[in-house]
Structure formats: C-alpha cells, structure tokens
Amino acid sequence: MSMKFRYLLVLLTVGLTACQSARHQAESPPPPQDVTPGSTFTVVKDFLVPSGDSSVFFQDTRVYPQGEVQPNYPYCEFVIGAPSADGQVIKGSYMVSNVEYDENGVGLRGTDVAVTIIHLQAASSGEPYRMNCTLPMLSSGARFLTPAEIQGAVGGYMDISVAP
C-alpha cells in the first residue's frame, strides 16, 4: 500500500468520525432538574380529559386536546391511563411518587425530545396518573424542563410545590 493511500485512508476515517452527529455520540444525559418525589401538583382550575382520550396537553398556560400543541416549544401531557367513555374532570392534589428522565424521547410529529416523566398519585384516592413534560431538542445543548418551565406550561390550571 502506498504512503499516499494510507494517509488518505487515515484522513477520511478521522473526517467521518468528526462528522458523527451529537445524537449518536455517547454523552451522559444532563442532570435531572428539581421536580422531586414528594412534590405536589395542585389543580387550581378543574380541567377535562375528553371522552375517548387518555390525556390532555398543556402549553403556555392553556389546555389543548391531543396533539394540538406546537411541538417545537415546551409542553406537558397529563395522562389518566385508559380513555374514559364519559371523559374525566381533573381536580384536587397530586403527589409526585417518582420522576424519570428520558433524553432520547420522541415527541409529537416525530421530533426528538427530552422528557421528564412525573408519576403522580391522587391525594384523595391514590389513583396513579402521569405528567410527561417535554422539551424539544432543537440544539445540542438540550436539557430537561425546570419546575419554572413546567409551571409555565400548566400555570392557570395547576400549581407546583417542589419538595426539598
């Protein structure tokens, strides 16, 4: 093998390695934010999960039916589990039992997202619910939503009290 060919092969290998996308590089996920078990979500304005749906979306202090939020901005999805034939009015307080973080989530319309998955329990019944709060990964510096950003999505309907 000639020296020029080896040099070209090494140069191409280094060039291709440098072109690897940030999504495929092995990076540790950003540190979790401050929503902790023991935190509470208190409904300050009742909202309805419509019949036949299992969730509603919050964005910029407004409630949206499934899929009608702007996917390139932060949003939260309140999930009740199985769809209800009559719909379900959401009210009361919800305690955070667990929080998970997924930096490789897929959001609405197939966008790459970082998802804070907040497991909730109704204070009155212990019934489980979930809040998926999503931040589109529009840049390599994407991170998870902070409690203030979550409040910005659900404000007017829910207040968050973060446990120490």
N, C-alpha and C. Protein backbone atom coordinates (compact mmCIF):
# COMPACT_ATOMS: atom_id res chain seq x y z
N MET A 1 0.85 -1.17 0.00
CA MET A 1 0.00 0.00 0.00
C MET A 1 0.90 1.24 0.00
N SER A 2 0.59 2.18 -0.82
CA SER A 2 1.42 3.37 -0.89
C SER A 2 1.16 4.29 0.30
N MET A 3 2.11 5.12 0.58
CA MET A 3 2.03 6.05 1.70
C MET A 3 0.90 7.07 1.48
N LYS A 4 0.68 7.51 0.25
CA LYS A 4 -0.39 8.46 -0.05
C LYS A 4 -1.76 7.85 0.24
N PHE A 5 -1.93 6.56 -0.13
CA PHE A 5 -3.20 5.89 0.09
C PHE A 5 -3.47 5.75 1.60
N ARG A 6 -2.47 5.36 2.38
CA ARG A 6 -2.63 5.23 3.84
C ARG A 6 -2.99 6.58 4.46
N TYR A 7 -2.28 7.61 4.03
CA TYR A 7 -2.55 8.95 4.54
C TYR A 7 -4.00 9.36 4.23
N LEU A 8 -4.47 9.09 3.01
CA LEU A 8 -5.83 9.42 2.60
C LEU A 8 -6.84 8.61 3.41
N LEU A 9 -6.56 7.34 3.64
CA LEU A 9 -7.45 6.49 4.43
C LEU A 9 -7.57 6.99 5.87
N VAL A 10 -6.47 7.34 6.49
CA VAL A 10 -6.49 7.88 7.85
C VAL A 10 -7.25 9.20 7.88
N LEU A 11 -7.01 10.05 6.92
CA LEU A 11 -7.68 11.35 6.86
C LEU A 11 -9.19 11.18 6.70
N LEU A 12 -9.64 10.27 5.86
CA LEU A 12 -11.07 10.02 5.68
C LEU A 12 -11.69 9.45 6.95
N THR A 13 -11.00 8.54 7.62
CA THR A 13 -11.51 7.95 8.86
C THR A 13 -11.69 9.02 9.93
N VAL A 14 -10.71 9.87 10.09
CA VAL A 14 -10.80 10.96 11.08
C VAL A 14 -11.92 11.91 10.70
N GLY A 15 -12.05 12.23 9.42
CA GLY A 15 -13.11 13.14 8.96
C GLY A 15 -14.49 12.59 9.21
N LEU A 16 -14.69 11.30 8.92
CA LEU A 16 -16.00 10.69 9.15
C LEU A 16 -16.33 10.60 10.63
N THR A 17 -15.37 10.32 11.45
CA THR A 17 -15.59 10.27 12.90
C THR A 17 -16.00 11.65 13.42
N ALA A 18 -15.39 12.69 12.92
CA ALA A 18 -15.72 14.06 13.37
C ALA A 18 -17.11 14.47 12.92
N CYS A 19 -17.64 13.87 11.85
CA CYS A 19 -18.96 14.23 11.35
C CYS A 19 -20.10 13.53 12.08
N GLN A 20 -19.78 12.65 12.99
CA GLN A 20 -20.82 11.92 13.71
C GLN A 20 -21.73 12.91 14.43
N SER A 21 -23.05 12.70 14.32
CA SER A 21 -24.00 13.65 14.92
C SER A 21 -23.96 13.57 16.44
N ALA A 22 -24.38 14.64 17.08
CA ALA A 22 -24.42 14.71 18.55
C ALA A 22 -25.36 13.66 19.11
N ARG A 23 -26.41 13.32 18.39
CA ARG A 23 -27.37 12.32 18.87
C ARG A 23 -26.71 10.95 19.00
N HIS A 24 -25.73 10.67 18.17
CA HIS A 24 -25.12 9.35 18.19
C HIS A 24 -23.86 9.29 19.05
N GLN A 25 -23.38 10.39 19.53
CA GLN A 25 -22.22 10.36 20.38
C GLN A 25 -22.63 9.93 21.78
N ALA A 26 -21.76 9.20 22.43
CA ALA A 26 -22.04 8.70 23.77
C ALA A 26 -21.78 9.82 24.77
N GLU A 27 -22.84 10.52 25.14
CA GLU A 27 -22.74 11.58 26.13
C GLU A 27 -23.63 11.22 27.30
N SER A 28 -23.24 11.64 28.47
CA SER A 28 -24.11 11.39 29.61
C SER A 28 -25.27 12.38 29.55
N PRO A 29 -26.45 11.95 30.00
CA PRO A 29 -27.60 12.85 29.96
C PRO A 29 -27.39 14.04 30.89
N PRO A 30 -28.09 15.14 30.61
CA PRO A 30 -27.98 16.28 31.51
C PRO A 30 -28.51 15.91 32.89
N PRO A 31 -28.07 16.59 33.92
CA PRO A 31 -28.53 16.23 35.26
C PRO A 31 -30.03 16.50 35.42
N PRO A 32 -30.72 15.66 36.19
CA PRO A 32 -32.14 15.89 36.42
C PRO A 32 -32.39 17.26 37.07
N GLN A 33 -33.56 17.77 36.81
CA GLN A 33 -33.94 19.06 37.38
C GLN A 33 -34.56 18.84 38.76
N ASP A 34 -35.25 19.83 39.28
CA ASP A 34 -35.65 19.83 40.68
C ASP A 34 -37.03 19.28 41.02
N VAL A 35 -37.73 18.63 40.10
CA VAL A 35 -39.01 18.02 40.47
C VAL A 35 -38.67 16.72 41.18
N THR A 36 -39.00 16.64 42.45
CA THR A 36 -38.59 15.50 43.27
C THR A 36 -39.81 14.77 43.83
N PRO A 37 -39.62 13.48 44.18
CA PRO A 37 -40.70 12.79 44.87
C PRO A 37 -41.10 13.57 46.12
N GLY A 38 -42.40 13.63 46.38
CA GLY A 38 -42.91 14.42 47.49
C GLY A 38 -43.41 15.78 47.06
N SER A 39 -43.02 16.23 45.86
CA SER A 39 -43.55 17.49 45.32
C SER A 39 -45.03 17.30 45.04
N THR A 40 -45.77 18.41 44.94
CA THR A 40 -47.21 18.30 44.67
C THR A 40 -47.62 19.18 43.49
N PHE A 41 -48.61 18.68 42.77
CA PHE A 41 -49.30 19.44 41.73
C PHE A 41 -50.72 19.63 42.26
N THR A 42 -51.13 20.88 42.42
CA THR A 42 -52.48 21.17 42.92
C THR A 42 -53.29 21.83 41.81
N VAL A 43 -54.42 21.22 41.51
CA VAL A 43 -55.30 21.77 40.46
C VAL A 43 -55.98 23.01 41.02
N VAL A 44 -55.80 24.15 40.36
CA VAL A 44 -56.43 25.39 40.78
C VAL A 44 -57.61 25.75 39.89
N LYS A 45 -57.70 25.07 38.75
CA LYS A 45 -58.83 25.23 37.83
C LYS A 45 -59.08 23.86 37.22
N ASP A 46 -60.25 23.28 37.54
CA ASP A 46 -60.56 21.95 37.03
C ASP A 46 -60.42 21.92 35.51
N PHE A 47 -59.99 20.77 34.98
CA PHE A 47 -59.92 20.60 33.53
C PHE A 47 -60.44 19.22 33.16
N LEU A 48 -60.81 19.06 31.91
CA LEU A 48 -61.46 17.85 31.44
C LEU A 48 -60.55 17.10 30.47
N VAL A 49 -60.40 15.80 30.72
CA VAL A 49 -59.82 14.91 29.72
C VAL A 49 -61.03 14.40 28.95
N PRO A 50 -61.18 14.78 27.67
CA PRO A 50 -62.41 14.47 26.91
C PRO A 50 -62.67 12.98 26.76
N SER A 51 -63.92 12.63 26.54
CA SER A 51 -64.29 11.23 26.32
C SER A 51 -63.51 10.68 25.15
N GLY A 52 -63.07 9.45 25.30
CA GLY A 52 -62.31 8.79 24.26
C GLY A 52 -60.82 9.10 24.27
N ASP A 53 -60.39 10.08 25.06
CA ASP A 53 -58.97 10.43 25.15
C ASP A 53 -58.40 9.95 26.48
N SER A 54 -57.09 9.75 26.49
CA SER A 54 -56.43 9.36 27.73
C SER A 54 -55.54 10.46 28.28
N SER A 55 -55.51 11.62 27.59
CA SER A 55 -54.65 12.70 28.05
C SER A 55 -55.08 14.04 27.47
N VAL A 56 -54.53 15.09 28.07
CA VAL A 56 -54.63 16.45 27.52
C VAL A 56 -53.24 17.06 27.60
N PHE A 57 -53.02 18.10 26.81
CA PHE A 57 -51.73 18.76 26.75
C PHE A 57 -51.83 20.17 27.32
N PHE A 58 -50.73 20.61 27.94
CA PHE A 58 -50.62 21.97 28.45
C PHE A 58 -49.43 22.65 27.76
N GLN A 59 -49.66 23.90 27.36
CA GLN A 59 -48.58 24.70 26.79
C GLN A 59 -48.95 26.16 26.99
N ASP A 60 -48.02 26.93 27.53
CA ASP A 60 -48.24 28.37 27.74
C ASP A 60 -49.54 28.65 28.49
N THR A 61 -49.77 27.93 29.57
CA THR A 61 -50.92 28.08 30.48
C THR A 61 -52.27 27.79 29.82
N ARG A 62 -52.27 27.02 28.74
CA ARG A 62 -53.52 26.66 28.07
C ARG A 62 -53.62 25.15 27.96
N VAL A 63 -54.84 24.63 27.91
CA VAL A 63 -55.10 23.21 27.73
C VAL A 63 -55.43 22.96 26.27
N TYR A 64 -54.85 21.92 25.71
CA TYR A 64 -55.09 21.55 24.32
C TYR A 64 -55.51 20.08 24.25
N PRO A 65 -56.38 19.75 23.29
CA PRO A 65 -56.68 18.34 23.05
C PRO A 65 -55.43 17.65 22.49
N GLN A 66 -55.51 16.35 22.35
CA GLN A 66 -54.36 15.57 21.90
C GLN A 66 -53.75 16.12 20.62
N GLY A 67 -52.45 16.36 20.69
CA GLY A 67 -51.68 16.70 19.51
C GLY A 67 -51.79 18.10 18.97
N GLU A 68 -52.47 19.03 19.63
CA GLU A 68 -52.64 20.36 19.05
C GLU A 68 -51.66 21.40 19.58
N VAL A 69 -50.65 20.99 20.34
CA VAL A 69 -49.65 21.93 20.82
C VAL A 69 -48.61 22.18 19.72
N GLN A 70 -47.82 23.21 19.91
CA GLN A 70 -46.71 23.49 19.00
C GLN A 70 -45.54 22.60 19.42
N PRO A 71 -45.14 21.63 18.59
CA PRO A 71 -44.15 20.64 19.01
C PRO A 71 -42.74 21.19 19.21
N ASN A 72 -42.46 22.40 18.76
CA ASN A 72 -41.12 22.96 18.92
C ASN A 72 -40.98 23.83 20.16
N TYR A 73 -41.99 23.81 21.03
CA TYR A 73 -41.94 24.56 22.29
C TYR A 73 -42.23 23.59 23.44
N PRO A 74 -41.78 23.91 24.65
CA PRO A 74 -42.04 23.02 25.79
C PRO A 74 -43.53 22.79 26.01
N TYR A 75 -43.89 21.57 26.38
CA TYR A 75 -45.28 21.25 26.70
C TYR A 75 -45.32 20.09 27.68
N CYS A 76 -46.46 19.92 28.34
CA CYS A 76 -46.68 18.81 29.25
C CYS A 76 -47.95 18.07 28.84
N GLU A 77 -47.95 16.77 29.05
CA GLU A 77 -49.11 15.93 28.76
C GLU A 77 -49.54 15.27 30.07
N PHE A 78 -50.78 15.51 30.48
CA PHE A 78 -51.35 14.88 31.68
C PHE A 78 -52.08 13.63 31.22
N VAL A 79 -51.65 12.46 31.72
CA VAL A 79 -52.16 11.16 31.25
C VAL A 79 -52.95 10.49 32.37
N ILE A 80 -54.19 10.06 32.04
CA ILE A 80 -55.03 9.40 33.04
C ILE A 80 -54.95 7.89 32.97
N GLY A 81 -54.37 7.34 31.95
CA GLY A 81 -54.34 5.88 31.75
C GLY A 81 -55.23 5.54 30.59
N ALA A 82 -56.23 4.70 30.82
CA ALA A 82 -57.15 4.29 29.75
C ALA A 82 -58.15 5.41 29.45
N PRO A 83 -58.52 5.56 28.17
CA PRO A 83 -59.54 6.56 27.83
C PRO A 83 -60.86 6.28 28.55
N SER A 84 -61.55 7.34 28.87
CA SER A 84 -62.84 7.23 29.55
C SER A 84 -63.96 7.50 28.55
N ALA A 85 -65.03 6.72 28.61
CA ALA A 85 -66.16 6.92 27.71
C ALA A 85 -66.87 8.24 27.99
N ASP A 86 -66.87 8.67 29.26
CA ASP A 86 -67.57 9.90 29.64
C ASP A 86 -66.64 11.09 29.82
N GLY A 87 -65.34 10.90 29.66
CA GLY A 87 -64.39 11.95 29.98
C GLY A 87 -64.12 11.94 31.47
N GLN A 88 -63.12 12.68 31.88
CA GLN A 88 -62.79 12.73 33.31
C GLN A 88 -62.40 14.15 33.70
N VAL A 89 -63.08 14.69 34.70
CA VAL A 89 -62.75 16.00 35.24
C VAL A 89 -61.60 15.82 36.23
N ILE A 90 -60.56 16.59 36.05
CA ILE A 90 -59.38 16.51 36.92
C ILE A 90 -59.42 17.66 37.91
N LYS A 91 -59.36 17.29 39.20
CA LYS A 91 -59.34 18.29 40.28
C LYS A 91 -58.61 17.70 41.46
N GLY A 92 -58.28 18.53 42.43
CA GLY A 92 -57.61 18.05 43.64
C GLY A 92 -56.11 18.21 43.59
N SER A 93 -55.43 17.43 44.43
CA SER A 93 -53.96 17.48 44.54
C SER A 93 -53.36 16.15 44.14
N TYR A 94 -52.15 16.21 43.64
CA TYR A 94 -51.44 15.04 43.17
C TYR A 94 -50.01 15.08 43.71
N MET A 95 -49.61 13.99 44.35
CA MET A 95 -48.27 13.88 44.93
C MET A 95 -47.36 13.18 43.93
N VAL A 96 -46.15 13.70 43.79
CA VAL A 96 -45.15 13.07 42.92
C VAL A 96 -44.58 11.86 43.65
N SER A 97 -44.75 10.67 43.04
CA SER A 97 -44.22 9.45 43.66
C SER A 97 -42.86 9.06 43.08
N ASN A 98 -42.61 9.44 41.83
CA ASN A 98 -41.35 9.09 41.18
C ASN A 98 -41.16 10.00 39.98
N VAL A 99 -39.90 10.21 39.60
CA VAL A 99 -39.58 11.01 38.42
C VAL A 99 -38.54 10.26 37.61
N GLU A 100 -38.78 10.17 36.30
CA GLU A 100 -37.83 9.55 35.38
C GLU A 100 -37.44 10.58 34.33
N TYR A 101 -36.28 10.38 33.74
CA TYR A 101 -35.79 11.29 32.71
C TYR A 101 -35.39 10.48 31.48
N ASP A 102 -35.88 10.91 30.31
CA ASP A 102 -35.56 10.22 29.06
C ASP A 102 -35.05 11.26 28.07
N GLU A 103 -33.74 11.22 27.82
CA GLU A 103 -33.15 12.20 26.89
C GLU A 103 -33.25 11.74 25.44
N ASN A 104 -33.83 10.56 25.20
CA ASN A 104 -33.97 10.05 23.84
C ASN A 104 -35.43 9.85 23.46
N GLY A 105 -36.31 10.71 23.96
CA GLY A 105 -37.73 10.57 23.68
C GLY A 105 -38.10 11.02 22.28
N VAL A 106 -39.28 10.59 21.86
CA VAL A 106 -39.83 11.02 20.57
C VAL A 106 -41.13 11.74 20.86
N GLY A 107 -41.21 13.00 20.46
CA GLY A 107 -42.38 13.82 20.74
C GLY A 107 -43.38 13.79 19.61
N LEU A 108 -44.27 14.75 19.65
CA LEU A 108 -45.29 14.88 18.61
C LEU A 108 -44.62 15.09 17.26
N ARG A 109 -45.21 14.53 16.26
CA ARG A 109 -44.72 14.64 14.88
C ARG A 109 -43.29 14.13 14.72
N GLY A 110 -42.87 13.23 15.62
CA GLY A 110 -41.58 12.58 15.50
C GLY A 110 -40.37 13.39 15.90
N THR A 111 -40.56 14.51 16.59
CA THR A 111 -39.42 15.34 16.99
C THR A 111 -38.65 14.68 18.13
N ASP A 112 -37.33 14.90 18.16
CA ASP A 112 -36.50 14.43 19.26
C ASP A 112 -36.75 15.31 20.47
N VAL A 113 -36.97 14.69 21.63
CA VAL A 113 -37.29 15.45 22.84
C VAL A 113 -36.59 14.86 24.06
N ALA A 114 -36.43 15.69 25.07
CA ALA A 114 -36.04 15.25 26.41
C ALA A 114 -37.31 15.29 27.24
N VAL A 115 -37.65 14.17 27.88
CA VAL A 115 -38.92 14.06 28.61
C VAL A 115 -38.67 13.85 30.09
N THR A 116 -39.33 14.66 30.90
CA THR A 116 -39.40 14.45 32.33
C THR A 116 -40.71 13.72 32.58
N ILE A 117 -40.63 12.48 33.04
CA ILE A 117 -41.82 11.66 33.28
C ILE A 117 -42.12 11.70 34.76
N ILE A 118 -43.21 12.38 35.12
CA ILE A 118 -43.55 12.59 36.52
C ILE A 118 -44.72 11.67 36.88
N HIS A 119 -44.47 10.71 37.76
CA HIS A 119 -45.51 9.79 38.21
C HIS A 119 -46.24 10.44 39.38
N LEU A 120 -47.56 10.52 39.27
CA LEU A 120 -48.39 11.21 40.25
C LEU A 120 -49.36 10.23 40.89
N GLN A 121 -49.77 10.55 42.13
CA GLN A 121 -50.85 9.83 42.80
C GLN A 121 -51.84 10.85 43.31
N ALA A 122 -53.12 10.60 43.03
CA ALA A 122 -54.16 11.50 43.52
C ALA A 122 -54.16 11.44 45.04
N ALA A 123 -54.16 12.61 45.69
CA ALA A 123 -54.13 12.66 47.16
C ALA A 123 -55.38 12.04 47.76
N SER A 124 -56.52 12.18 47.08
CA SER A 124 -57.78 11.69 47.63
C SER A 124 -57.96 10.18 47.49
N SER A 125 -57.48 9.59 46.38
CA SER A 125 -57.75 8.17 46.12
C SER A 125 -56.51 7.31 45.96
N GLY A 126 -55.36 7.92 45.76
CA GLY A 126 -54.15 7.15 45.49
C GLY A 126 -54.05 6.66 44.05
N GLU A 127 -55.04 7.03 43.23
CA GLU A 127 -55.06 6.60 41.83
C GLU A 127 -53.84 7.17 41.09
N PRO A 128 -53.17 6.34 40.26
CA PRO A 128 -51.97 6.81 39.55
C PRO A 128 -52.28 7.62 38.29
N TYR A 129 -51.48 8.63 38.07
CA TYR A 129 -51.53 9.46 36.86
C TYR A 129 -50.10 9.71 36.45
N ARG A 130 -49.93 10.37 35.30
CA ARG A 130 -48.59 10.68 34.84
C ARG A 130 -48.60 12.03 34.14
N MET A 131 -47.52 12.76 34.30
CA MET A 131 -47.32 14.02 33.60
C MET A 131 -46.00 13.90 32.84
N ASN A 132 -46.08 13.96 31.50
CA ASN A 132 -44.88 13.92 30.66
C ASN A 132 -44.58 15.34 30.22
N CYS A 133 -43.50 15.90 30.71
CA CYS A 133 -43.13 17.26 30.34
C CYS A 133 -41.95 17.20 29.38
N THR A 134 -42.13 17.84 28.24
CA THR A 134 -41.28 17.62 27.08
C THR A 134 -40.60 18.90 26.61
N LEU A 135 -39.31 18.77 26.37
CA LEU A 135 -38.53 19.87 25.81
C LEU A 135 -37.94 19.41 24.48
N PRO A 136 -38.32 20.04 23.36
CA PRO A 136 -37.74 19.67 22.07
C PRO A 136 -36.23 19.86 22.08
N MET A 137 -35.52 18.93 21.46
CA MET A 137 -34.06 19.01 21.39
C MET A 137 -33.67 19.68 20.09
N LEU A 138 -33.81 21.00 20.07
CA LEU A 138 -33.54 21.76 18.86
C LEU A 138 -32.07 22.14 18.72
N SER A 139 -31.30 21.88 19.78
CA SER A 139 -29.87 22.16 19.74
C SER A 139 -29.16 21.09 20.55
N SER A 140 -27.85 21.04 20.41
CA SER A 140 -27.09 20.02 21.12
C SER A 140 -27.05 20.28 22.62
N GLY A 141 -27.41 21.47 23.06
CA GLY A 141 -27.39 21.82 24.48
C GLY A 141 -28.73 21.58 25.16
N ALA A 142 -29.57 20.72 24.58
CA ALA A 142 -30.90 20.49 25.14
C ALA A 142 -30.79 19.92 26.55
N ARG A 143 -31.82 20.15 27.34
CA ARG A 143 -31.85 19.73 28.74
C ARG A 143 -33.29 19.41 29.10
N PHE A 144 -33.51 19.04 30.34
CA PHE A 144 -34.86 18.76 30.81
C PHE A 144 -35.51 20.05 31.31
N LEU A 145 -36.85 20.06 31.32
CA LEU A 145 -37.58 21.24 31.80
C LEU A 145 -37.34 21.46 33.29
N THR A 146 -37.25 22.71 33.67
CA THR A 146 -37.14 23.07 35.07
C THR A 146 -38.55 23.17 35.66
N PRO A 147 -38.69 23.17 36.98
CA PRO A 147 -40.01 23.37 37.58
C PRO A 147 -40.67 24.67 37.11
N ALA A 148 -39.89 25.73 36.94
CA ALA A 148 -40.47 27.00 36.48
C ALA A 148 -41.02 26.87 35.06
N GLU A 149 -40.35 26.12 34.20
CA GLU A 149 -40.84 25.91 32.83
C GLU A 149 -42.09 25.03 32.83
N ILE A 150 -42.11 24.04 33.71
CA ILE A 150 -43.31 23.20 33.83
C ILE A 150 -44.47 24.05 34.31
N GLN A 151 -44.23 24.91 35.31
CA GLN A 151 -45.27 25.81 35.80
C GLN A 151 -45.74 26.73 34.66
N GLY A 152 -44.82 27.16 33.80
CA GLY A 152 -45.19 27.99 32.66
C GLY A 152 -46.12 27.28 31.69
N ALA A 153 -46.02 25.97 31.61
CA ALA A 153 -46.91 25.20 30.74
C ALA A 153 -48.27 24.97 31.39
N VAL A 154 -48.29 24.58 32.67
CA VAL A 154 -49.54 24.18 33.34
C VAL A 154 -50.18 25.30 34.16
N GLY A 155 -49.49 26.44 34.28
CA GLY A 155 -49.99 27.55 35.09
C GLY A 155 -51.41 27.95 34.70
N GLY A 156 -52.17 28.37 35.71
CA GLY A 156 -53.57 28.70 35.48
C GLY A 156 -54.46 27.49 35.73
N TYR A 157 -53.90 26.29 35.62
CA TYR A 157 -54.64 25.05 35.88
C TYR A 157 -54.05 24.28 37.06
N MET A 158 -52.74 24.34 37.20
CA MET A 158 -52.08 23.62 38.29
C MET A 158 -50.95 24.49 38.86
N ASP A 159 -50.75 24.34 40.16
CA ASP A 159 -49.60 24.95 40.82
C ASP A 159 -48.68 23.84 41.29
N ILE A 160 -47.38 24.07 41.16
CA ILE A 160 -46.39 23.09 41.58
C ILE A 160 -45.73 23.56 42.87
N SER A 161 -45.63 22.66 43.81
CA SER A 161 -44.86 22.91 45.03
C SER A 161 -43.77 21.85 45.07
N VAL A 162 -42.53 22.27 44.91
CA VAL A 162 -41.41 21.34 44.84
C VAL A 162 -40.92 21.00 46.24
N ALA A 163 -40.83 19.70 46.51
CA ALA A 163 -40.33 19.23 47.81
C ALA A 163 -38.83 19.42 47.88
N PRO A 164 -38.32 19.74 49.07
CA PRO A 164 -36.85 19.90 49.21
C PRO A 164 -36.11 18.58 49.06
